[in-house]
């Protein structure tokens, strides 16, 4: 197990959801496919700058040292530099 995502707790207490390396690879693949399809349909959507609104990737650590936090923040921190406009 790589890390945990923390739910917002809207239906009760906050919960920790395990996020594995396989889950991250699958998420990146699906996001890449979605981005490619969107670009093919509307390339002007990728012109200019973008604003990313995410929660912190690491909001805390378990007693074992394993981090927990936002999946959106983790994906944002680990996106390719070209996708983040840093290249």
PDB file of N, CA and C in Angstrom:
ATOM      1  N   UNK A   1       0.843  -1.174   0.000  1.00  0.00           N
ATOM      2  CA  UNK A   1       0.000   0.000   0.000  1.00  0.00           C
ATOM      3  C   UNK A   1       0.889   1.238   0.000  1.00  0.00           C
ATOM      4  N   UNK A   2       0.541   2.188  -0.833  1.00  0.00           N
ATOM      5  CA  UNK A   2       1.356   3.379  -1.014  1.00  0.00           C
ATOM      6  C   UNK A   2       0.937   4.512  -0.082  1.00  0.00           C
ATOM      7  N   UNK A   3      -0.385   4.721   0.038  1.00  0.00           N
ATOM      8  CA  UNK A   3      -0.902   5.841   0.819  1.00  0.00           C
ATOM      9  C   UNK A   3      -2.393   5.646   1.044  1.00  0.00           C
ATOM     10  N   UNK A   4      -3.004   6.583   1.742  1.00  0.00           N
ATOM     11  CA  UNK A   4      -4.446   6.562   1.954  1.00  0.00           C
ATOM     12  C   UNK A   4      -5.042   7.889   1.502  1.00  0.00           C
ATOM     13  N   UNK A   5      -6.219   7.809   0.906  1.00  0.00           N
ATOM     14  CA  UNK A   5      -7.004   9.009   0.624  1.00  0.00           C
ATOM     15  C   UNK A   5      -7.970   9.171   1.789  1.00  0.00           C
ATOM     16  N   UNK A   6      -8.213  10.398   2.174  1.00  0.00           N
ATOM     17  CA  UNK A   6      -9.128  10.659   3.284  1.00  0.00           C
ATOM     18  C   UNK A   6     -10.432  11.215   2.718  1.00  0.00           C
ATOM     19  N   UNK A   7     -11.550  10.612   3.085  1.00  0.00           N
ATOM     20  CA  UNK A   7     -12.842  11.114   2.626  1.00  0.00           C
ATOM     21  C   UNK A   7     -13.183  12.397   3.380  1.00  0.00           C
ATOM     22  N   UNK A   8     -14.151  13.117   2.860  1.00  0.00           N
ATOM     23  CA  UNK A   8     -14.540  14.376   3.497  1.00  0.00           C
ATOM     24  C   UNK A   8     -15.419  14.167   4.712  1.00  0.00           C
ATOM     25  N   UNK A   9     -15.994  12.978   4.861  1.00  0.00           N
ATOM     26  CA  UNK A   9     -16.823  12.703   6.020  1.00  0.00           C
ATOM     27  C   UNK A   9     -18.240  13.226   5.891  1.00  0.00           C
ATOM     28  N   UNK A  10     -18.724  13.425   4.663  1.00  0.00           N
ATOM     29  CA  UNK A  10     -20.065  13.991   4.481  1.00  0.00           C
ATOM     30  C   UNK A  10     -21.176  13.059   4.942  1.00  0.00           C
ATOM     31  N   UNK A  11     -20.935  11.754   4.994  1.00  0.00           N
ATOM     32  CA  UNK A  11     -21.975  10.813   5.439  1.00  0.00           C
ATOM     33  C   UNK A  11     -21.634  10.189   6.783  1.00  0.00           C
ATOM     34  N   UNK A  12     -20.799  10.834   7.540  1.00  0.00           N
ATOM     35  CA  UNK A  12     -20.376  10.308   8.833  1.00  0.00           C
ATOM     36  C   UNK A  12     -18.956  10.775   9.103  1.00  0.00           C
ATOM     37  N   UNK A  13     -18.223   9.984   9.853  1.00  0.00           N
ATOM     38  CA  UNK A  13     -16.834  10.330  10.137  1.00  0.00           C
ATOM     39  C   UNK A  13     -15.950  10.171   8.914  1.00  0.00           C
ATOM     40  N   UNK A  14     -14.824  10.844   8.933  1.00  0.00           N
ATOM     41  CA  UNK A  14     -13.847  10.694   7.842  1.00  0.00           C
ATOM     42  C   UNK A  14     -13.334   9.268   7.808  1.00  0.00           C
ATOM     43  N   UNK A  15     -13.085   8.772   6.602  1.00  0.00           N
ATOM     44  CA  UNK A  15     -12.583   7.410   6.426  1.00  0.00           C
ATOM     45  C   UNK A  15     -11.308   7.446   5.601  1.00  0.00           C
ATOM     46  N   UNK A  16     -10.462   6.450   5.791  1.00  0.00           N
ATOM     47  CA  UNK A  16      -9.236   6.321   5.010  1.00  0.00           C
ATOM     48  C   UNK A  16      -9.427   5.220   3.975  1.00  0.00           C
ATOM     49  N   UNK A  17      -9.175   5.553   2.707  1.00  0.00           N
ATOM     50  CA  UNK A  17      -9.316   4.614   1.605  1.00  0.00           C
ATOM     51  C   UNK A  17      -7.917   4.276   1.102  1.00  0.00           C
ATOM     52  N   UNK A  18      -7.536   2.995   1.068  1.00  0.00           N
ATOM     53  CA  UNK A  18      -6.196   2.649   0.584  1.00  0.00           C
ATOM     54  C   UNK A  18      -6.030   2.956  -0.902  1.00  0.00           C
ATOM     55  N   UNK A  19      -4.911   3.590  -1.239  1.00  0.00           N
ATOM     56  CA  UNK A  19      -4.572   3.909  -2.624  1.00  0.00           C
ATOM     57  C   UNK A  19      -3.259   3.202  -2.938  1.00  0.00           C
ATOM     58  N   UNK A  20      -3.330   2.243  -3.834  1.00  0.00           N
ATOM     59  CA  UNK A  20      -2.148   1.449  -4.189  1.00  0.00           C
ATOM     60  C   UNK A  20      -1.468   2.022  -5.434  1.00  0.00           C
ATOM     61  N   UNK A  21      -0.270   1.557  -5.709  1.00  0.00           N
ATOM     62  CA  UNK A  21       0.450   1.969  -6.911  1.00  0.00           C
ATOM     63  C   UNK A  21      -0.358   1.598  -8.155  1.00  0.00           C
ATOM     64  N   UNK A  22      -1.022   0.457  -8.143  1.00  0.00           N
ATOM     65  CA  UNK A  22      -1.852   0.040  -9.276  1.00  0.00           C
ATOM     66  C   UNK A  22      -2.998   1.013  -9.482  1.00  0.00           C
ATOM     67  N   UNK A  23      -3.648   1.427  -8.409  1.00  0.00           N
ATOM     68  CA  UNK A  23      -4.757   2.379  -8.517  1.00  0.00           C
ATOM     69  C   UNK A  23      -4.282   3.708  -9.093  1.00  0.00           C
ATOM     70  N   UNK A  24      -3.104   4.159  -8.697  1.00  0.00           N
ATOM     71  CA  UNK A  24      -2.561   5.422  -9.216  1.00  0.00           C
ATOM     72  C   UNK A  24      -2.270   5.297 -10.703  1.00  0.00           C
ATOM     73  N   UNK A  25      -1.679   4.179 -11.127  1.00  0.00           N
ATOM     74  CA  UNK A  25      -1.422   3.955 -12.562  1.00  0.00           C
ATOM     75  C   UNK A  25      -2.724   3.961 -13.353  1.00  0.00           C
ATOM     76  N   UNK A  26      -3.744   3.286 -12.846  1.00  0.00           N
ATOM     77  CA  UNK A  26      -5.032   3.239 -13.533  1.00  0.00           C
ATOM     78  C   UNK A  26      -5.668   4.627 -13.607  1.00  0.00           C
ATOM     79  N   UNK A  27      -5.564   5.383 -12.538  1.00  0.00           N
ATOM     80  CA  UNK A  27      -6.122   6.738 -12.520  1.00  0.00           C
ATOM     81  C   UNK A  27      -5.404   7.623 -13.539  1.00  0.00           C
ATOM     82  N   UNK A  28      -4.091   7.547 -13.577  1.00  0.00           N
ATOM     83  CA  UNK A  28      -3.320   8.339 -14.543  1.00  0.00           C
ATOM     84  C   UNK A  28      -3.687   7.964 -15.975  1.00  0.00           C
ATOM     85  N   UNK A  29      -3.849   6.677 -16.217  1.00  0.00           N
ATOM     86  CA  UNK A  29      -4.217   6.232 -17.567  1.00  0.00           C
ATOM     87  C   UNK A  29      -5.584   6.775 -17.956  1.00  0.00           C
ATOM     88  N   UNK A  30      -6.558   6.669 -17.076  1.00  0.00           N
ATOM     89  CA  UNK A  30      -7.900   7.153 -17.408  1.00  0.00           C
ATOM     90  C   UNK A  30      -7.900   8.672 -17.590  1.00  0.00           C
ATOM     91  N   UNK A  31      -7.144   9.393 -16.777  1.00  0.00           N
ATOM     92  CA  UNK A  31      -7.064  10.844 -16.932  1.00  0.00           C
ATOM     93  C   UNK A  31      -6.376  11.212 -18.252  1.00  0.00           C
ATOM     94  N   UNK A  32      -5.341  10.451 -18.623  1.00  0.00           N
ATOM     95  CA  UNK A  32      -4.660  10.702 -19.893  1.00  0.00           C
ATOM     96  C   UNK A  32      -5.575  10.473 -21.079  1.00  0.00           C
ATOM     97  N   UNK A  33      -6.354   9.402 -21.036  1.00  0.00           N
ATOM     98  CA  UNK A  33      -7.292   9.119 -22.119  1.00  0.00           C
ATOM     99  C   UNK A  33      -8.364  10.202 -22.209  1.00  0.00           C
ATOM    100  N   UNK A  34      -8.868  10.611 -21.070  1.00  0.00           N
ATOM    101  CA  UNK A  34      -9.888  11.665 -21.053  1.00  0.00           C
ATOM    102  C   UNK A  34      -9.314  12.971 -21.595  1.00  0.00           C
ATOM    103  N   UNK A  35      -8.098  13.313 -21.206  1.00  0.00           N
ATOM    104  CA  UNK A  35      -7.466  14.547 -21.678  1.00  0.00           C
ATOM    105  C   UNK A  35      -7.220  14.497 -23.179  1.00  0.00           C
ATOM    106  N   UNK A  36      -6.776  13.351 -23.677  1.00  0.00           N
ATOM    107  CA  UNK A  36      -6.540  13.194 -25.118  1.00  0.00           C
ATOM    108  C   UNK A  36      -7.841  13.371 -25.892  1.00  0.00           C
ATOM    109  N   UNK A  37      -8.902  12.729 -25.426  1.00  0.00           N
ATOM    110  CA  UNK A  37     -10.196  12.838 -26.107  1.00  0.00           C
ATOM    111  C   UNK A  37     -10.687  14.287 -26.100  1.00  0.00           C
ATOM    112  N   UNK A  38     -10.542  14.956 -24.970  1.00  0.00           N
ATOM    113  CA  UNK A  38     -10.971  16.350 -24.882  1.00  0.00           C
ATOM    114  C   UNK A  38     -10.151  17.221 -25.820  1.00  0.00           C
ATOM    115  N   UNK A  39      -8.849  17.000 -25.868  1.00  0.00           N
ATOM    116  CA  UNK A  39      -7.982  17.792 -26.738  1.00  0.00           C
ATOM    117  C   UNK A  39      -8.351  17.589 -28.203  1.00  0.00           C
ATOM    118  N   UNK A  40      -8.627  16.337 -28.572  1.00  0.00           N
ATOM    119  CA  UNK A  40      -9.007  16.049 -29.964  1.00  0.00           C
ATOM    120  C   UNK A  40     -10.307  16.760 -30.346  1.00  0.00           C
ATOM    121  N   UNK A  41     -11.233  16.854 -29.419  1.00  0.00           N
ATOM    122  CA  UNK A  41     -12.521  17.495 -29.701  1.00  0.00           C
ATOM    123  C   UNK A  41     -12.466  19.016 -29.615  1.00  0.00           C
ATOM    124  N   UNK A  42     -11.647  19.539 -28.704  1.00  0.00           N
ATOM    125  CA  UNK A  42     -11.631  20.977 -28.453  1.00  0.00           C
ATOM    126  C   UNK A  42     -10.231  21.433 -28.031  1.00  0.00           C
ATOM    127  N   UNK A  43      -9.278  21.465 -28.974  1.00  0.00           N
ATOM    128  CA  UNK A  43      -7.895  21.793 -28.618  1.00  0.00           C
ATOM    129  C   UNK A  43      -7.738  23.180 -27.987  1.00  0.00           C
ATOM    130  N   UNK A  44      -8.624  24.120 -28.323  1.00  0.00           N
ATOM    131  CA  UNK A  44      -8.503  25.460 -27.746  1.00  0.00           C
ATOM    132  C   UNK A  44      -8.745  25.469 -26.236  1.00  0.00           C
ATOM    133  N   UNK A  45      -9.312  24.401 -25.712  1.00  0.00           N
ATOM    134  CA  UNK A  45      -9.496  24.303 -24.267  1.00  0.00           C
ATOM    135  C   UNK A  45      -8.155  24.221 -23.546  1.00  0.00           C
ATOM    136  N   UNK A  46      -7.114  23.866 -24.281  1.00  0.00           N
ATOM    137  CA  UNK A  46      -5.788  23.724 -23.685  1.00  0.00           C
ATOM    138  C   UNK A  46      -4.890  24.925 -23.951  1.00  0.00           C
ATOM    139  N   UNK A  47      -5.449  25.990 -24.492  1.00  0.00           N
ATOM    140  CA  UNK A  47      -4.670  27.208 -24.740  1.00  0.00           C
ATOM    141  C   UNK A  47      -4.639  28.039 -23.456  1.00  0.00           C
ATOM    142  N   UNK A  48      -3.527  28.658 -23.191  1.00  0.00           N
ATOM    143  CA  UNK A  48      -3.435  29.531 -22.024  1.00  0.00           C
ATOM    144  C   UNK A  48      -3.107  28.783 -20.749  1.00  0.00           C
ATOM    145  N   UNK A  49      -3.484  29.356 -19.653  1.00  0.00           N
ATOM    146  CA  UNK A  49      -3.173  28.811 -18.333  1.00  0.00           C
ATOM    147  C   UNK A  49      -4.397  28.124 -17.754  1.00  0.00           C
ATOM    148  N   UNK A  50      -4.184  27.372 -16.681  1.00  0.00           N
ATOM    149  CA  UNK A  50      -5.310  26.743 -16.006  1.00  0.00           C
ATOM    150  C   UNK A  50      -5.165  26.929 -14.500  1.00  0.00           C
ATOM    151  N   UNK A  51      -6.268  26.780 -13.836  1.00  0.00           N
ATOM    152  CA  UNK A  51      -6.305  26.896 -12.385  1.00  0.00           C
ATOM    153  C   UNK A  51      -6.694  25.542 -11.812  1.00  0.00           C
ATOM    154  N   UNK A  52      -5.872  25.001 -10.954  1.00  0.00           N
ATOM    155  CA  UNK A  52      -6.170  23.720 -10.316  1.00  0.00           C
ATOM    156  C   UNK A  52      -6.569  23.975  -8.869  1.00  0.00           C
ATOM    157  N   UNK A  53      -7.722  23.479  -8.497  1.00  0.00           N
ATOM    158  CA  UNK A  53      -8.188  23.602  -7.115  1.00  0.00           C
ATOM    159  C   UNK A  53      -8.175  22.203  -6.514  1.00  0.00           C
ATOM    160  N   UNK A  54      -7.226  21.961  -5.625  1.00  0.00           N
ATOM    161  CA  UNK A  54      -7.053  20.639  -5.022  1.00  0.00           C
ATOM    162  C   UNK A  54      -6.827  20.792  -3.523  1.00  0.00           C
ATOM    163  N   UNK A  55      -7.026  19.727  -2.817  1.00  0.00           N
ATOM    164  CA  UNK A  55      -6.719  19.688  -1.393  1.00  0.00           C
ATOM    165  C   UNK A  55      -5.278  19.223  -1.208  1.00  0.00           C
ATOM    166  N   UNK A  56      -4.715  19.379  -0.022  1.00  0.00           N
ATOM    167  CA  UNK A  56      -3.329  18.963   0.198  1.00  0.00           C
ATOM    168  C   UNK A  56      -3.118  17.469  -0.064  1.00  0.00           C
ATOM    169  N   UNK A  57      -2.012  17.147  -0.706  1.00  0.00           N
ATOM    170  CA  UNK A  57      -1.677  15.755  -0.987  1.00  0.00           C
ATOM    171  C   UNK A  57      -1.421  14.982   0.302  1.00  0.00           C
ATOM    172  N   UNK A  58      -0.797  15.635   1.264  1.00  0.00           N
ATOM    173  CA  UNK A  58      -0.541  15.005   2.562  1.00  0.00           C
ATOM    174  C   UNK A  58      -1.179  15.885   3.639  1.00  0.00           C
ATOM    175  N   UNK A  59      -2.194  15.322   4.287  1.00  0.00           N
ATOM    176  CA  UNK A  59      -2.873  16.043   5.360  1.00  0.00           C
ATOM    177  C   UNK A  59      -2.445  15.539   6.734  1.00  0.00           C
ATOM    178  N   UNK A  60      -1.730  14.424   6.738  1.00  0.00           N
ATOM    179  CA  UNK A  60      -1.245  13.860   7.979  1.00  0.00           C
ATOM    180  C   UNK A  60      -0.583  12.522   7.725  1.00  0.00           C
ATOM    181  N   UNK A  61      -0.153  11.901   8.797  1.00  0.00           N
ATOM    182  CA  UNK A  61       0.486  10.583   8.697  1.00  0.00           C
ATOM    183  C   UNK A  61      -0.083   9.674   9.773  1.00  0.00           C
ATOM    184  N   UNK A  62      -0.187   8.396   9.419  1.00  0.00           N
ATOM    185  CA  UNK A  62      -0.621   7.405  10.393  1.00  0.00           C
ATOM    186  C   UNK A  62       0.530   7.124  11.352  1.00  0.00           C
ATOM    187  N   UNK A  63       0.271   6.373  12.401  1.00  0.00           N
ATOM    188  CA  UNK A  63       1.329   6.014  13.348  1.00  0.00           C
ATOM    189  C   UNK A  63       2.473   5.281  12.666  1.00  0.00           C
ATOM    190  N   UNK A  64       2.173   4.591  11.563  1.00  0.00           N
ATOM    191  CA  UNK A  64       3.190   3.854  10.806  1.00  0.00           C
ATOM    192  C   UNK A  64       4.037   4.760   9.927  1.00  0.00           C
ATOM    193  N   UNK A  65       3.629   6.022   9.802  1.00  0.00           N
ATOM    194  CA  UNK A  65       4.338   6.960   8.936  1.00  0.00           C
ATOM    195  C   UNK A  65       3.720   7.054   7.548  1.00  0.00           C
ATOM    196  N   UNK A  66       2.746   6.198   7.245  1.00  0.00           N
ATOM    197  CA  UNK A  66       2.091   6.215   5.937  1.00  0.00           C
ATOM    198  C   UNK A  66       1.260   7.488   5.802  1.00  0.00           C
ATOM    199  N   UNK A  67       1.450   8.227   4.695  1.00  0.00           N
ATOM    200  CA  UNK A  67       0.703   9.480   4.540  1.00  0.00           C
ATOM    201  C   UNK A  67      -0.755   9.246   4.168  1.00  0.00           C
ATOM    202  N   UNK A  68      -1.591  10.223   4.526  1.00  0.00           N
ATOM    203  CA  UNK A  68      -2.967  10.243   4.045  1.00  0.00           C
ATOM    204  C   UNK A  68      -3.298  11.671   3.645  1.00  0.00           C
ATOM    205  N   UNK A  69      -4.202  11.787   2.698  1.00  0.00           N
ATOM    206  CA  UNK A  69      -4.599  13.108   2.233  1.00  0.00           C
ATOM    207  C   UNK A  69      -5.445  13.018   0.985  1.00  0.00           C
ATOM    208  N   UNK A  70      -5.358  14.041   0.179  1.00  0.00           N
ATOM    209  CA  UNK A  70      -6.187  14.189  -1.010  1.00  0.00           C
ATOM    210  C   UNK A  70      -5.573  13.490  -2.214  1.00  0.00           C
ATOM    211  N   UNK A  71      -6.385  12.707  -2.904  1.00  0.00           N
ATOM    212  CA  UNK A  71      -5.921  12.084  -4.142  1.00  0.00           C
ATOM    213  C   UNK A  71      -5.698  13.155  -5.204  1.00  0.00           C
ATOM    214  N   UNK A  72      -6.565  14.169  -5.259  1.00  0.00           N
ATOM    215  CA  UNK A  72      -6.395  15.229  -6.260  1.00  0.00           C
ATOM    216  C   UNK A  72      -5.072  15.966  -6.035  1.00  0.00           C
ATOM    217  N   UNK A  73      -4.726  16.226  -4.792  1.00  0.00           N
ATOM    218  CA  UNK A  73      -3.458  16.889  -4.500  1.00  0.00           C
ATOM    219  C   UNK A  73      -2.264  16.035  -4.869  1.00  0.00           C
ATOM    220  N   UNK A  74      -2.362  14.736  -4.597  1.00  0.00           N
ATOM    221  CA  UNK A  74      -1.274  13.819  -4.955  1.00  0.00           C
ATOM    222  C   UNK A  74      -1.083  13.782  -6.466  1.00  0.00           C
ATOM    223  N   UNK A  75      -2.181  13.668  -7.213  1.00  0.00           N
ATOM    224  CA  UNK A  75      -2.083  13.605  -8.673  1.00  0.00           C
ATOM    225  C   UNK A  75      -1.528  14.920  -9.227  1.00  0.00           C
ATOM    226  N   UNK A  76      -1.943  16.041  -8.640  1.00  0.00           N
ATOM    227  CA  UNK A  76      -1.437  17.339  -9.084  1.00  0.00           C
ATOM    228  C   UNK A  76       0.066  17.451  -8.848  1.00  0.00           C
ATOM    229  N   UNK A  77       0.521  17.034  -7.679  1.00  0.00           N
ATOM    230  CA  UNK A  77       1.953  17.115  -7.360  1.00  0.00           C
ATOM    231  C   UNK A  77       2.795  16.200  -8.245  1.00  0.00           C
ATOM    232  N   UNK A  78       2.213  15.127  -8.762  1.00  0.00           N
ATOM    233  CA  UNK A  78       2.969  14.144  -9.533  1.00  0.00           C
ATOM    234  C   UNK A  78       2.645  14.151 -11.023  1.00  0.00           C
ATOM    235  N   UNK A  79       1.971  15.194 -11.501  1.00  0.00           N
ATOM    236  CA  UNK A  79       1.683  15.238 -12.936  1.00  0.00           C
ATOM    237  C   UNK A  79       2.947  15.592 -13.708  1.00  0.00           C
ATOM    238  N   UNK A  80       3.033  15.182 -14.965  1.00  0.00           N
ATOM    239  CA  UNK A  80       4.209  15.520 -15.776  1.00  0.00           C
ATOM    240  C   UNK A  80       4.392  17.045 -15.864  1.00  0.00           C
ATOM    241  N   UNK A  81       5.635  17.489 -15.905  1.00  0.00           N
ATOM    242  CA  UNK A  81       5.919  18.921 -15.949  1.00  0.00           C
ATOM    243  C   UNK A  81       5.237  19.591 -17.145  1.00  0.00           C
ATOM    244  N   UNK A  82       5.184  18.912 -18.282  1.00  0.00           N
ATOM    245  CA  UNK A  82       4.551  19.497 -19.463  1.00  0.00           C
ATOM    246  C   UNK A  82       3.072  19.754 -19.218  1.00  0.00           C
ATOM    247  N   UNK A  83       2.412  18.865 -18.508  1.00  0.00           N
ATOM    248  CA  UNK A  83       0.984  19.026 -18.211  1.00  0.00           C
ATOM    249  C   UNK A  83       0.756  20.166 -17.243  1.00  0.00           C
ATOM    250  N   UNK A  84       1.716  20.426 -16.381  1.00  0.00           N
ATOM    251  CA  UNK A  84       1.581  21.490 -15.397  1.00  0.00           C
ATOM    252  C   UNK A  84       2.053  22.851 -15.939  1.00  0.00           C
ATOM    253  N   UNK A  85       2.504  22.851 -17.200  1.00  0.00           N
ATOM    254  CA  UNK A  85       2.983  24.097 -17.796  1.00  0.00           C
ATOM    255  C   UNK A  85       4.347  24.500 -17.295  1.00  0.00           C
ATOM    256  N   UNK A  86       5.103  23.539 -16.756  1.00  0.00           N
ATOM    257  CA  UNK A  86       6.410  23.845 -16.193  1.00  0.00           C
ATOM    258  C   UNK A  86       7.552  23.537 -17.157  1.00  0.00           C
ATOM    259  N   UNK A  87       7.224  22.875 -18.252  1.00  0.00           N
ATOM    260  CA  UNK A  87       8.277  22.456 -19.198  1.00  0.00           C
ATOM    261  C   UNK A  87       8.678  23.606 -20.087  1.00  0.00           C
TER     262      UNK A  87
END
